[in-house]
Amino acid sequence: MTQRVLELTRGLGADLIINAIGDPEADFERIAYNGQLVCVLATPTDAPADKALSISKLDLGGAHRSGDPRQVADLGRMAGELLALVTDGKVNPLITKRYASDEIAEGLRALEAHEIVGKAIAVF
């Protein structure tokens, strides 16, 4: 994936990477100078000094824990809007792995080992 990102950006790297599940340190090779790395789960402990990165930690569960009904309602509205975009084909959810019901344990192991790029789904 790193080679493809560098190819698409003429060797400059991506300006923004949203890392939802993988090892964020793997993104260092494919992010541009002054790039923004948004981490949903793990946040890197050390960032390369020569990249001048901005690293943000995103907590998607924060709306639920905040106790603020406006934030919970916003999260629901955004989820609905995102699903509509996926349904209309305007957003590609990047489903790269499909697991049959008897393969779910293997899929969970692969997720935990950060072996999946994109989304994995269970097909029943």
PDB file of N, CA and C in Angstrom:
ATOM      1  N   MET A   1       0.815  -1.185   0.000  1.00  0.00           N
ATOM      2  CA  MET A   1       0.000   0.000   0.000  1.00  0.00           C
ATOM      3  C   MET A   1       0.868   1.261   0.000  1.00  0.00           C
ATOM      4  N   THR A   2       1.975   1.249   0.692  1.00  0.00           N
ATOM      5  CA  THR A   2       2.839   2.432   0.736  1.00  0.00           C
ATOM      6  C   THR A   2       3.282   2.835  -0.662  1.00  0.00           C
ATOM      7  N   GLN A   3       3.697   1.859  -1.474  1.00  0.00           N
ATOM      8  CA  GLN A   3       4.141   2.171  -2.828  1.00  0.00           C
ATOM      9  C   GLN A   3       3.035   2.822  -3.645  1.00  0.00           C
ATOM     10  N   ARG A   4       1.807   2.337  -3.487  1.00  0.00           N
ATOM     11  CA  ARG A   4       0.682   2.891  -4.245  1.00  0.00           C
ATOM     12  C   ARG A   4       0.390   4.332  -3.811  1.00  0.00           C
ATOM     13  N   VAL A   5       0.445   4.597  -2.521  1.00  0.00           N
ATOM     14  CA  VAL A   5       0.223   5.965  -2.027  1.00  0.00           C
ATOM     15  C   VAL A   5       1.297   6.894  -2.581  1.00  0.00           C
ATOM     16  N   LEU A   6       2.527   6.462  -2.538  1.00  0.00           N
ATOM     17  CA  LEU A   6       3.615   7.301  -3.056  1.00  0.00           C
ATOM     18  C   LEU A   6       3.497   7.493  -4.570  1.00  0.00           C
ATOM     19  N   GLU A   7       3.053   6.468  -5.261  1.00  0.00           N
ATOM     20  CA  GLU A   7       2.837   6.581  -6.708  1.00  0.00           C
ATOM     21  C   GLU A   7       1.753   7.615  -7.015  1.00  0.00           C
ATOM     22  N   LEU A   8       0.643   7.537  -6.297  1.00  0.00           N
ATOM     23  CA  LEU A   8      -0.473   8.456  -6.534  1.00  0.00           C
ATOM     24  C   LEU A   8      -0.150   9.900  -6.146  1.00  0.00           C
ATOM     25  N   THR A   9       0.786  10.080  -5.225  1.00  0.00           N
ATOM     26  CA  THR A   9       1.118  11.433  -4.750  1.00  0.00           C
ATOM     27  C   THR A   9       2.457  11.919  -5.312  1.00  0.00           C
ATOM     28  N   ARG A  10       2.943  11.261  -6.356  1.00  0.00           N
ATOM     29  CA  ARG A  10       4.228  11.613  -6.983  1.00  0.00           C
ATOM     30  C   ARG A  10       5.367  11.671  -5.955  1.00  0.00           C
ATOM     31  N   GLY A  11       5.343  10.702  -5.040  1.00  0.00           N
ATOM     32  CA  GLY A  11       6.411  10.569  -4.063  1.00  0.00           C
ATOM     33  C   GLY A  11       6.304  11.484  -2.854  1.00  0.00           C
ATOM     34  N   LEU A  12       5.273  12.301  -2.802  1.00  0.00           N
ATOM     35  CA  LEU A  12       5.141  13.255  -1.696  1.00  0.00           C
ATOM     36  C   LEU A  12       4.471  12.673  -0.461  1.00  0.00           C
ATOM     37  N   GLY A  13       3.632  11.698  -0.629  1.00  0.00           N
ATOM     38  CA  GLY A  13       2.888  11.134   0.493  1.00  0.00           C
ATOM     39  C   GLY A  13       1.539  11.810   0.652  1.00  0.00           C
ATOM     40  N   ALA A  14       0.681  11.182   1.446  1.00  0.00           N
ATOM     41  CA  ALA A  14      -0.675  11.686   1.663  1.00  0.00           C
ATOM     42  C   ALA A  14      -0.657  12.834   2.670  1.00  0.00           C
ATOM     43  N   ASP A  15      -1.482  13.842   2.410  1.00  0.00           N
ATOM     44  CA  ASP A  15      -1.594  14.970   3.334  1.00  0.00           C
ATOM     45  C   ASP A  15      -2.365  14.591   4.596  1.00  0.00           C
ATOM     46  N   LEU A  16      -3.286  13.661   4.465  1.00  0.00           N
ATOM     47  CA  LEU A  16      -4.119  13.243   5.592  1.00  0.00           C
ATOM     48  C   LEU A  16      -4.298  11.737   5.545  1.00  0.00           C
ATOM     49  N   ILE A  17      -4.060  11.099   6.674  1.00  0.00           N
ATOM     50  CA  ILE A  17      -4.322   9.670   6.818  1.00  0.00           C
ATOM     51  C   ILE A  17      -5.173   9.498   8.064  1.00  0.00           C
ATOM     52  N   ILE A  18      -6.295   8.796   7.901  1.00  0.00           N
ATOM     53  CA  ILE A  18      -7.131   8.436   9.033  1.00  0.00           C
ATOM     54  C   ILE A  18      -6.933   6.947   9.259  1.00  0.00           C
ATOM     55  N   ASN A  19      -6.265   6.616  10.337  1.00  0.00           N
ATOM     56  CA  ASN A  19      -5.940   5.230  10.642  1.00  0.00           C
ATOM     57  C   ASN A  19      -6.969   4.716  11.639  1.00  0.00           C
ATOM     58  N   ALA A  20      -7.870   3.861  11.145  1.00  0.00           N
ATOM     59  CA  ALA A  20      -8.969   3.386  11.972  1.00  0.00           C
ATOM     60  C   ALA A  20      -8.651   2.124  12.758  1.00  0.00           C
ATOM     61  N   ILE A  21      -7.641   1.357  12.349  1.00  0.00           N
ATOM     62  CA  ILE A  21      -7.408   0.098  13.056  1.00  0.00           C
ATOM     63  C   ILE A  21      -5.963  -0.379  13.006  1.00  0.00           C
ATOM     64  N   GLY A  22      -5.197   0.033  12.026  1.00  0.00           N
ATOM     65  CA  GLY A  22      -3.860  -0.508  11.836  1.00  0.00           C
ATOM     66  C   GLY A  22      -2.809   0.095  12.741  1.00  0.00           C
ATOM     67  N   ASP A  23      -1.597  -0.312  12.513  1.00  0.00           N
ATOM     68  CA  ASP A  23      -0.440   0.207  13.243  1.00  0.00           C
ATOM     69  C   ASP A  23      -0.132   1.600  12.708  1.00  0.00           C
ATOM     70  N   PRO A  24      -0.325   2.658  13.490  1.00  0.00           N
ATOM     71  CA  PRO A  24      -0.136   4.008  12.970  1.00  0.00           C
ATOM     72  C   PRO A  24       1.308   4.307  12.567  1.00  0.00           C
ATOM     73  N   GLU A  25       2.252   3.602  13.140  1.00  0.00           N
ATOM     74  CA  GLU A  25       3.643   3.853  12.778  1.00  0.00           C
ATOM     75  C   GLU A  25       3.938   3.419  11.342  1.00  0.00           C
ATOM     76  N   ALA A  26       3.126   2.507  10.801  1.00  0.00           N
ATOM     77  CA  ALA A  26       3.284   2.101   9.400  1.00  0.00           C
ATOM     78  C   ALA A  26       2.943   3.248   8.453  1.00  0.00           C
ATOM     79  N   ASP A  27       2.172   4.224   8.931  1.00  0.00           N
ATOM     80  CA  ASP A  27       1.788   5.361   8.094  1.00  0.00           C
ATOM     81  C   ASP A  27       2.915   6.375   7.911  1.00  0.00           C
ATOM     82  N   PHE A  28       3.944   6.307   8.714  1.00  0.00           N
ATOM     83  CA  PHE A  28       5.028   7.292   8.630  1.00  0.00           C
ATOM     84  C   PHE A  28       5.672   7.324   7.253  1.00  0.00           C
ATOM     85  N   GLU A  29       5.761   6.163   6.589  1.00  0.00           N
ATOM     86  CA  GLU A  29       6.392   6.106   5.263  1.00  0.00           C
ATOM     87  C   GLU A  29       5.526   6.708   4.168  1.00  0.00           C
ATOM     88  N   ARG A  30       4.212   6.740   4.396  1.00  0.00           N
ATOM     89  CA  ARG A  30       3.310   7.186   3.328  1.00  0.00           C
ATOM     90  C   ARG A  30       2.648   8.535   3.594  1.00  0.00           C
ATOM     91  N   ILE A  31       3.052   9.229   4.644  1.00  0.00           N
ATOM     92  CA  ILE A  31       2.459  10.529   4.942  1.00  0.00           C
ATOM     93  C   ILE A  31       3.402  11.642   4.504  1.00  0.00           C
ATOM     94  N   ALA A  32       2.829  12.725   4.030  1.00  0.00           N
ATOM     95  CA  ALA A  32       3.616  13.850   3.515  1.00  0.00           C
ATOM     96  C   ALA A  32       4.208  14.679   4.658  1.00  0.00           C
ATOM     97  N   TYR A  33       5.199  15.455   4.308  1.00  0.00           N
ATOM     98  CA  TYR A  33       5.753  16.428   5.238  1.00  0.00           C
ATOM     99  C   TYR A  33       4.616  17.369   5.646  1.00  0.00           C
ATOM    100  N   ASN A  34       4.515  17.684   6.916  1.00  0.00           N
ATOM    101  CA  ASN A  34       3.427  18.491   7.487  1.00  0.00           C
ATOM    102  C   ASN A  34       2.067  17.799   7.365  1.00  0.00           C
ATOM    103  N   GLY A  35       2.064  16.487   7.197  1.00  0.00           N
ATOM    104  CA  GLY A  35       0.820  15.745   7.079  1.00  0.00           C
ATOM    105  C   GLY A  35       0.099  15.631   8.412  1.00  0.00           C
ATOM    106  N   GLN A  36      -1.152  15.232   8.334  1.00  0.00           N
ATOM    107  CA  GLN A  36      -2.001  15.043   9.510  1.00  0.00           C
ATOM    108  C   GLN A  36      -2.344  13.568   9.625  1.00  0.00           C
ATOM    109  N   LEU A  37      -2.013  12.960  10.745  1.00  0.00           N
ATOM    110  CA  LEU A  37      -2.335  11.566  11.017  1.00  0.00           C
ATOM    111  C   LEU A  37      -3.384  11.535  12.116  1.00  0.00           C
ATOM    112  N   VAL A  38      -4.560  10.995  11.791  1.00  0.00           N
ATOM    113  CA  VAL A  38      -5.647  10.872  12.755  1.00  0.00           C
ATOM    114  C   VAL A  38      -5.744   9.409  13.141  1.00  0.00           C
ATOM    115  N   CYS A  39      -5.609   9.128  14.425  1.00  0.00           N
ATOM    116  CA  CYS A  39      -5.610   7.757  14.930  1.00  0.00           C
ATOM    117  C   CYS A  39      -6.890   7.494  15.705  1.00  0.00           C
ATOM    118  N   VAL A  40      -7.613   6.444  15.322  1.00  0.00           N
ATOM    119  CA  VAL A  40      -8.850   6.103  16.004  1.00  0.00           C
ATOM    120  C   VAL A  40      -8.558   5.187  17.187  1.00  0.00           C
ATOM    121  N   LEU A  41      -7.630   4.258  17.053  1.00  0.00           N
ATOM    122  CA  LEU A  41      -7.331   3.345  18.150  1.00  0.00           C
ATOM    123  C   LEU A  41      -5.977   3.666  18.771  1.00  0.00           C
ATOM    124  N   ALA A  42      -4.936   3.160  18.180  1.00  0.00           N
ATOM    125  CA  ALA A  42      -3.600   3.333  18.743  1.00  0.00           C
ATOM    126  C   ALA A  42      -2.975   4.643  18.265  1.00  0.00           C
ATOM    127  N   THR A  43      -2.250   5.286  19.137  1.00  0.00           N
ATOM    128  CA  THR A  43      -1.522   6.502  18.789  1.00  0.00           C
ATOM    129  C   THR A  43      -0.035   6.191  18.884  1.00  0.00           C
ATOM    130  N   PRO A  44       0.759   6.580  17.883  1.00  0.00           N
ATOM    131  CA  PRO A  44       2.189   6.265  17.938  1.00  0.00           C
ATOM    132  C   PRO A  44       2.864   6.973  19.104  1.00  0.00           C
ATOM    133  N   THR A  45       3.852   6.301  19.674  1.00  0.00           N
ATOM    134  CA  THR A  45       4.578   6.890  20.791  1.00  0.00           C
ATOM    135  C   THR A  45       5.682   7.824  20.312  1.00  0.00           C
ATOM    136  N   ASP A  46       6.267   7.518  19.175  1.00  0.00           N
ATOM    137  CA  ASP A  46       7.318   8.360  18.606  1.00  0.00           C
ATOM    138  C   ASP A  46       7.000   8.653  17.156  1.00  0.00           C
ATOM    139  N   ALA A  47       7.121   9.911  16.772  1.00  0.00           N
ATOM    140  CA  ALA A  47       6.928  10.295  15.378  1.00  0.00           C
ATOM    141  C   ALA A  47       8.262  10.777  14.827  1.00  0.00           C
ATOM    142  N   PRO A  48       8.540  10.517  13.551  1.00  0.00           N
ATOM    143  CA  PRO A  48       9.798  10.969  12.977  1.00  0.00           C
ATOM    144  C   PRO A  48       9.872  12.504  12.961  1.00  0.00           C
ATOM    145  N   ALA A  49      10.945  13.043  13.464  1.00  0.00           N
ATOM    146  CA  ALA A  49      11.101  14.495  13.559  1.00  0.00           C
ATOM    147  C   ALA A  49      11.195  15.153  12.193  1.00  0.00           C
ATOM    148  N   ASP A  50      11.642  14.423  11.183  1.00  0.00           N
ATOM    149  CA  ASP A  50      11.832  15.019   9.856  1.00  0.00           C
ATOM    150  C   ASP A  50      10.543  15.160   9.051  1.00  0.00           C
ATOM    151  N   LYS A  51       9.405  14.735   9.588  1.00  0.00           N
ATOM    152  CA  LYS A  51       8.134  14.818   8.871  1.00  0.00           C
ATOM    153  C   LYS A  51       7.264  15.992   9.330  1.00  0.00           C
ATOM    154  N   ALA A  52       7.517  16.584  10.483  1.00  0.00           N
ATOM    155  CA  ALA A  52       6.714  17.682  11.027  1.00  0.00           C
ATOM    156  C   ALA A  52       5.233  17.330  11.023  1.00  0.00           C
ATOM    157  N   LEU A  53       4.911  16.153  11.552  1.00  0.00           N
ATOM    158  CA  LEU A  53       3.541  15.646  11.530  1.00  0.00           C
ATOM    159  C   LEU A  53       2.678  16.262  12.616  1.00  0.00           C
ATOM    160  N   SER A  54       1.392  16.309  12.337  1.00  0.00           N
ATOM    161  CA  SER A  54       0.391  16.568  13.364  1.00  0.00           C
ATOM    162  C   SER A  54      -0.316  15.241  13.597  1.00  0.00           C
ATOM    163  N   ILE A  55      -0.401  14.821  14.845  1.00  0.00           N
ATOM    164  CA  ILE A  55      -1.030  13.548  15.170  1.00  0.00           C
ATOM    165  C   ILE A  55      -2.195  13.827  16.107  1.00  0.00           C
ATOM    166  N   SER A  56      -3.365  13.331  15.727  1.00  0.00           N
ATOM    167  CA  SER A  56      -4.568  13.527  16.531  1.00  0.00           C
ATOM    168  C   SER A  56      -5.120  12.176  16.954  1.00  0.00           C
ATOM    169  N   LYS A  57      -5.659  12.120  18.142  1.00  0.00           N
ATOM    170  CA  LYS A  57      -6.323  10.920  18.654  1.00  0.00           C
ATOM    171  C   LYS A  57      -7.814  11.178  18.605  1.00  0.00           C
ATOM    172  N   LEU A  58      -8.555  10.297  17.945  1.00  0.00           N
ATOM    173  CA  LEU A  58     -10.002  10.426  17.794  1.00  0.00           C
ATOM    174  C   LEU A  58     -10.671   9.344  18.611  1.00  0.00           C
ATOM    175  N   ASP A  59     -11.616   9.724  19.452  1.00  0.00           N
ATOM    176  CA  ASP A  59     -12.345   8.764  20.279  1.00  0.00           C
ATOM    177  C   ASP A  59     -13.791   8.742  19.823  1.00  0.00           C
ATOM    178  N   LEU A  60     -14.146   7.743  19.012  1.00  0.00           N
ATOM    179  CA  LEU A  60     -15.503   7.665  18.480  1.00  0.00           C
ATOM    180  C   LEU A  60     -16.528   7.334  19.553  1.00  0.00           C
ATOM    181  N   GLY A  61     -16.094   6.759  20.655  1.00  0.00           N
ATOM    182  CA  GLY A  61     -17.033   6.465  21.745  1.00  0.00           C
ATOM    183  C   GLY A  61     -17.301   7.659  22.620  1.00  0.00           C
ATOM    184  N   GLY A  62     -16.600   8.758  22.393  1.00  0.00           N
ATOM    185  CA  GLY A  62     -16.735   9.933  23.256  1.00  0.00           C
ATOM    186  C   GLY A  62     -18.131  10.494  23.307  1.00  0.00           C
ATOM    187  N   ALA A  63     -18.861  10.456  22.200  1.00  0.00           N
ATOM    188  CA  ALA A  63     -20.227  10.991  22.192  1.00  0.00           C
ATOM    189  C   ALA A  63     -21.109  10.196  23.145  1.00  0.00           C
ATOM    190  N   HIS A  64     -20.901   8.895  23.215  1.00  0.00           N
ATOM    191  CA  HIS A  64     -21.715   8.071  24.107  1.00  0.00           C
ATOM    192  C   HIS A  64     -21.357   8.308  25.570  1.00  0.00           C
ATOM    193  N   ARG A  65     -20.091   8.517  25.836  1.00  0.00           N
ATOM    194  CA  ARG A  65     -19.650   8.696  27.222  1.00  0.00           C
ATOM    195  C   ARG A  65     -19.839  10.127  27.723  1.00  0.00           C
ATOM    196  N   SER A  66     -20.067  11.067  26.829  1.00  0.00           N
ATOM    197  CA  SER A  66     -20.149  12.465  27.236  1.00  0.00           C
ATOM    198  C   SER A  66     -21.399  12.765  28.043  1.00  0.00           C
ATOM    199  N   GLY A  67     -22.456  11.998  27.837  1.00  0.00           N
ATOM    200  CA  GLY A  67     -23.717  12.273  28.509  1.00  0.00           C
ATOM    201  C   GLY A  67     -24.485  13.425  27.871  1.00  0.00           C
ATOM    202  N   ASP A  68     -23.978  13.960  26.777  1.00  0.00           N
ATOM    203  CA  ASP A  68     -24.607  15.089  26.094  1.00  0.00           C
ATOM    204  C   ASP A  68     -25.528  14.540  25.009  1.00  0.00           C
ATOM    205  N   PRO A  69     -26.855  14.664  25.169  1.00  0.00           N
ATOM    206  CA  PRO A  69     -27.772  14.093  24.175  1.00  0.00           C
ATOM    207  C   PRO A  69     -27.608  14.713  22.790  1.00  0.00           C
ATOM    208  N   ARG A  70     -27.118  15.938  22.696  1.00  0.00           N
ATOM    209  CA  ARG A  70     -26.899  16.546  21.381  1.00  0.00           C
ATOM    210  C   ARG A  70     -25.793  15.821  20.631  1.00  0.00           C
ATOM    211  N   GLN A  71     -24.721  15.443  21.347  1.00  0.00           N
ATOM    212  CA  GLN A  71     -23.627  14.718  20.700  1.00  0.00           C
ATOM    213  C   GLN A  71     -24.076  13.330  20.256  1.00  0.00           C
ATOM    214  N   VAL A  72     -24.868  12.657  21.078  1.00  0.00           N
ATOM    215  CA  VAL A  72     -25.375  11.337  20.717  1.00  0.00           C
ATOM    216  C   VAL A  72     -26.276  11.454  19.480  1.00  0.00           C
ATOM    217  N   ALA A  73     -27.139  12.458  19.440  1.00  0.00           N
ATOM    218  CA  ALA A  73     -28.014  12.664  18.284  1.00  0.00           C
ATOM    219  C   ALA A  73     -27.192  12.976  17.032  1.00  0.00           C
ATOM    220  N   ASP A  74     -26.138  13.799  17.167  1.00  0.00           N
ATOM    221  CA  ASP A  74     -25.270  14.115  16.028  1.00  0.00           C
ATOM    222  C   ASP A  74     -24.600  12.857  15.490  1.00  0.00           C
ATOM    223  N   LEU A  75     -24.147  11.994  16.391  1.00  0.00           N
ATOM    224  CA  LEU A  75     -23.492  10.759  15.967  1.00  0.00           C
ATOM    225  C   LEU A  75     -24.460   9.891  15.172  1.00  0.00           C
ATOM    226  N   GLY A  76     -25.697   9.787  15.629  1.00  0.00           N
ATOM    227  CA  GLY A  76     -26.705   9.022  14.906  1.00  0.00           C
ATOM    228  C   GLY A  76     -27.007   9.621  13.538  1.00  0.00           C
ATOM    229  N   ARG A  77     -27.115  10.949  13.472  1.00  0.00           N
ATOM    230  CA  ARG A  77     -27.387  11.627  12.202  1.00  0.00           C
ATOM    231  C   ARG A  77     -26.235  11.393  11.230  1.00  0.00           C
ATOM    232  N   MET A  78     -24.995  11.524  11.721  1.00  0.00           N
ATOM    233  CA  MET A  78     -23.835  11.319  10.850  1.00  0.00           C
ATOM    234  C   MET A  78     -23.768   9.882  10.346  1.00  0.00           C
ATOM    235  N   ALA A  79     -24.103   8.916  11.203  1.00  0.00           N
ATOM    236  CA  ALA A  79     -24.094   7.516  10.778  1.00  0.00           C
ATOM    237  C   ALA A  79     -25.113   7.293   9.665  1.00  0.00           C
ATOM    238  N   GLY A  80     -26.286   7.871   9.811  1.00  0.00           N
ATOM    239  CA  GLY A  80     -27.314   7.746   8.780  1.00  0.00           C
ATOM    240  C   GLY A  80     -26.883   8.365   7.462  1.00  0.00           C
ATOM    241  N   GLU A  81     -26.270   9.538   7.546  1.00  0.00           N
ATOM    242  CA  GLU A  81     -25.811  10.214   6.329  1.00  0.00           C
ATOM    243  C   GLU A  81     -24.697   9.416   5.651  1.00  0.00           C
ATOM    244  N   LEU A  82     -23.797   8.846   6.450  1.00  0.00           N
ATOM    245  CA  LEU A  82     -22.713   8.037   5.884  1.00  0.00           C
ATOM    246  C   LEU A  82     -23.272   6.790   5.199  1.00  0.00           C
ATOM    247  N   LEU A  83     -24.208   6.126   5.833  1.00  0.00           N
ATOM    248  CA  LEU A  83     -24.807   4.938   5.214  1.00  0.00           C
ATOM    249  C   LEU A  83     -25.524   5.290   3.912  1.00  0.00           C
ATOM    250  N   ALA A  84     -26.160   6.452   3.855  1.00  0.00           N
ATOM    251  CA  ALA A  84     -26.811   6.890   2.614  1.00  0.00           C
ATOM    252  C   ALA A  84     -25.776   7.102   1.511  1.00  0.00           C
ATOM    253  N   LEU A  85     -24.627   7.672   1.855  1.00  0.00           N
ATOM    254  CA  LEU A  85     -23.571   7.878   0.862  1.00  0.00           C
ATOM    255  C   LEU A  85     -23.033   6.546   0.341  1.00  0.00           C
ATOM    256  N   VAL A  86     -22.882   5.576   1.242  1.00  0.00           N
ATOM    257  CA  VAL A  86     -22.424   4.242   0.829  1.00  0.00           C
ATOM    258  C   VAL A  86     -23.467   3.605  -0.080  1.00  0.00           C
ATOM    259  N   THR A  87     -24.736   3.682   0.309  1.00  0.00           N
ATOM    260  CA  THR A  87     -25.820   3.103  -0.486  1.00  0.00           C
ATOM    261  C   THR A  87     -25.887   3.716  -1.875  1.00  0.00           C
ATOM    262  N   ASP A  88     -25.661   5.018  -1.966  1.00  0.00           N
ATOM    263  CA  ASP A  88     -25.708   5.722  -3.254  1.00  0.00           C
ATOM    264  C   ASP A  88     -24.436   5.540  -4.078  1.00  0.00           C
ATOM    265  N   GLY A  89     -23.451   4.823  -3.531  1.00  0.00           N
ATOM    266  CA  GLY A  89     -22.206   4.588  -4.250  1.00  0.00           C
ATOM    267  C   GLY A  89     -21.268   5.785  -4.268  1.00  0.00           C
ATOM    268  N   LYS A  90     -21.496   6.762  -3.411  1.00  0.00           N
ATOM    269  CA  LYS A  90     -20.653   7.958  -3.361  1.00  0.00           C
ATOM    270  C   LYS A  90     -19.445   7.778  -2.447  1.00  0.00           C
ATOM    271  N   VAL A  91     -19.509   6.779  -1.575  1.00  0.00           N
ATOM    272  CA  VAL A  91     -18.397   6.452  -0.684  1.00  0.00           C
ATOM    273  C   VAL A  91     -18.154   4.955  -0.795  1.00  0.00           C
ATOM    274  N   ASN A  92     -16.920   4.572  -1.012  1.00  0.00           N
ATOM    275  CA  ASN A  92     -16.550   3.161  -1.094  1.00  0.00           C
ATOM    276  C   ASN A  92     -16.026   2.729   0.266  1.00  0.00           C
ATOM    277  N   PRO A  93     -16.705   1.797   0.937  1.00  0.00           N
ATOM    278  CA  PRO A  93     -16.245   1.384   2.260  1.00  0.00           C
ATOM    279  C   PRO A  93     -14.982   0.519   2.239  1.00  0.00           C
ATOM    280  N   LEU A  94     -14.441   0.219   1.060  1.00  0.00           N
ATOM    281  CA  LEU A  94     -13.200  -0.539   0.904  1.00  0.00           C
ATOM    282  C   LEU A  94     -13.260  -1.886   1.626  1.00  0.00           C
ATOM    283  N   ILE A  95     -14.234  -2.682   1.259  1.00  0.00           N
ATOM    284  CA  ILE A  95     -14.343  -4.035   1.815  1.00  0.00           C
ATOM    285  C   ILE A  95     -13.323  -4.907   1.096  1.00  0.00           C
ATOM    286  N   THR A  96     -12.334  -5.363   1.843  1.00  0.00           N
ATOM    287  CA  THR A  96     -11.248  -6.134   1.242  1.00  0.00           C
ATOM    288  C   THR A  96     -11.247  -7.602   1.648  1.00  0.00           C
ATOM    289  N   LYS A  97     -11.968  -7.940   2.708  1.00  0.00           N
ATOM    290  CA  LYS A  97     -12.027  -9.336   3.175  1.00  0.00           C
ATOM    291  C   LYS A  97     -13.463  -9.685   3.508  1.00  0.00           C
ATOM    292  N   ARG A  98     -13.859 -10.884   3.108  1.00  0.00           N
ATOM    293  CA  ARG A  98     -15.175 -11.416   3.446  1.00  0.00           C
ATOM    294  C   ARG A  98     -14.966 -12.771   4.124  1.00  0.00           C
ATOM    295  N   TYR A  99     -15.605 -12.939   5.270  1.00  0.00           N
ATOM    296  CA  TYR A  99     -15.480 -14.185   6.020  1.00  0.00           C
ATOM    297  C   TYR A  99     -16.839 -14.853   6.138  1.00  0.00           C
ATOM    298  N   ALA A 100     -16.879 -16.150   5.871  1.00  0.00           N
ATOM    299  CA  ALA A 100     -18.100 -16.929   6.088  1.00  0.00           C
ATOM    300  C   ALA A 100     -18.314 -17.063   7.591  1.00  0.00           C
ATOM    301  N   SER A 101     -19.522 -17.445   7.979  1.00  0.00           N
ATOM    302  CA  SER A 101     -19.832 -17.517   9.414  1.00  0.00           C
ATOM    303  C   SER A 101     -18.888 -18.445  10.170  1.00  0.00           C
ATOM    304  N   ASP A 102     -18.409 -19.491   9.529  1.00  0.00           N
ATOM    305  CA  ASP A 102     -17.491 -20.408  10.212  1.00  0.00           C
ATOM    306  C   ASP A 102     -16.037 -19.899  10.199  1.00  0.00           C
ATOM    307  N   GLU A 103     -15.787 -18.738   9.600  1.00  0.00           N
ATOM    308  CA  GLU A 103     -14.440 -18.167   9.543  1.00  0.00           C
ATOM    309  C   GLU A 103     -14.305 -16.896  10.401  1.00  0.00           C
ATOM    310  N   ILE A 104     -15.322 -16.569  11.175  1.00  0.00           N
ATOM    311  CA  ILE A 104     -15.311 -15.325  11.951  1.00  0.00           C
ATOM    312  C   ILE A 104     -14.146 -15.283  12.936  1.00  0.00           C
ATOM    313  N   ALA A 105     -13.837 -16.405  13.570  1.00  0.00           N
ATOM    314  CA  ALA A 105     -12.712 -16.439  14.508  1.00  0.00           C
ATOM    315  C   ALA A 105     -11.405 -16.065  13.803  1.00  0.00           C
ATOM    316  N   GLU A 106     -11.215 -16.568  12.587  1.00  0.00           N
ATOM    317  CA  GLU A 106     -10.018 -16.222  11.801  1.00  0.00           C
ATOM    318  C   GLU A 106     -10.025 -14.736  11.455  1.00  0.00           C
ATOM    319  N   GLY A 107     -11.186 -14.196  11.103  1.00  0.00           N
ATOM    320  CA  GLY A 107     -11.288 -12.768  10.801  1.00  0.00           C
ATOM    321  C   GLY A 107     -10.950 -11.904  11.998  1.00  0.00           C
ATOM    322  N   LEU A 108     -11.423 -12.287  13.167  1.00  0.00           N
ATOM    323  CA  LEU A 108     -11.103 -11.532  14.386  1.00  0.00           C
ATOM    324  C   LEU A 108      -9.610 -11.604  14.710  1.00  0.00           C
ATOM    325  N   ARG A 109      -9.009 -12.784  14.488  1.00  0.00           N
ATOM    326  CA  ARG A 109      -7.570 -12.920  14.713  1.00  0.00           C
ATOM    327  C   ARG A 109      -6.797 -11.995  13.759  1.00  0.00           C
ATOM    328  N   ALA A 110      -7.229 -11.944  12.482  1.00  0.00           N
ATOM    329  CA  ALA A 110      -6.569 -11.098  11.490  1.00  0.00           C
ATOM    330  C   ALA A 110      -6.719  -9.619  11.851  1.00  0.00           C
ATOM    331  N   LEU A 111      -7.893  -9.218  12.345  1.00  0.00           N
ATOM    332  CA  LEU A 111      -8.080  -7.832  12.789  1.00  0.00           C
ATOM    333  C   LEU A 111      -7.144  -7.496  13.946  1.00  0.00           C
ATOM    334  N   GLU A 112      -7.094  -8.397  14.920  1.00  0.00           N
ATOM    335  CA  GLU A 112      -6.246  -8.157  16.090  1.00  0.00           C
ATOM    336  C   GLU A 112      -4.770  -8.066  15.697  1.00  0.00           C
ATOM    337  N   ALA A 113      -4.366  -8.828  14.693  1.00  0.00           N
ATOM    338  CA  ALA A 113      -2.970  -8.835  14.240  1.00  0.00           C
ATOM    339  C   ALA A 113      -2.686  -7.717  13.237  1.00  0.00           C
ATOM    340  N   HIS A 114      -3.669  -6.854  12.983  1.00  0.00           N
ATOM    341  CA  HIS A 114      -3.516  -5.732  12.036  1.00  0.00           C
ATOM    342  C   HIS A 114      -3.139  -6.216  10.637  1.00  0.00           C
ATOM    343  N   GLU A 115      -3.724  -7.330  10.215  1.00  0.00           N
ATOM    344  CA  GLU A 115      -3.433  -7.901   8.902  1.00  0.00           C
ATOM    345  C   GLU A 115      -4.429  -7.466   7.830  1.00  0.00           C
ATOM    346  N   ILE A 116      -5.425  -6.706   8.196  1.00  0.00           N
ATOM    347  CA  ILE A 116      -6.471  -6.330   7.242  1.00  0.00           C
ATOM    348  C   ILE A 116      -6.362  -4.854   6.912  1.00  0.00           C
ATOM    349  N   VAL A 117      -6.276  -4.569   5.622  1.00  0.00           N
ATOM    350  CA  VAL A 117      -6.327  -3.201   5.137  1.00  0.00           C
ATOM    351  C   VAL A 117      -7.724  -3.002   4.577  1.00  0.00           C
ATOM    352  N   GLY A 118      -8.408  -1.982   4.989  1.00  0.00           N
ATOM    353  CA  GLY A 118      -9.786  -1.777   4.564  1.00  0.00           C
ATOM    354  C   GLY A 118     -10.727  -2.370   5.587  1.00  0.00           C
ATOM    355  N   LYS A 119     -11.850  -2.900   5.121  1.00  0.00           N
ATOM    356  CA  LYS A 119     -12.881  -3.428   6.002  1.00  0.00           C
ATOM    357  C   LYS A 119     -13.033  -4.928   5.785  1.00  0.00           C
ATOM    358  N   ALA A 120     -13.310  -5.619   6.875  1.00  0.00           N
ATOM    359  CA  ALA A 120     -13.627  -7.046   6.827  1.00  0.00           C
ATOM    360  C   ALA A 120     -15.088  -7.200   7.226  1.00  0.00           C
ATOM    361  N   ILE A 121     -15.802  -8.081   6.537  1.00  0.00           N
ATOM    362  CA  ILE A 121     -17.199  -8.313   6.864  1.00  0.00           C
ATOM    363  C   ILE A 121     -17.453  -9.806   6.994  1.00  0.00           C
ATOM    364  N   ALA A 122     -18.479 -10.127   7.771  1.00  0.00           N
ATOM    365  CA  ALA A 122     -18.934 -11.515   7.882  1.00  0.00           C
ATOM    366  C   ALA A 122     -20.122 -11.685   6.960  1.00  0.00           C
ATOM    367  N   VAL A 123     -20.101 -12.744   6.162  1.00  0.00           N
ATOM    368  CA  VAL A 123     -21.168 -13.029   5.206  1.00  0.00           C
ATOM    369  C   VAL A 123     -21.906 -14.260   5.688  1.00  0.00           C
ATOM    370  N   PHE A 124     -23.182 -14.128   5.912  1.00  0.00           N
ATOM    371  CA  PHE A 124     -23.995 -15.249   6.404  1.00  0.00           C
ATOM    372  C   PHE A 124     -24.861 -15.793   5.311  1.00  0.00           C
TER     373      PHE A 124
END
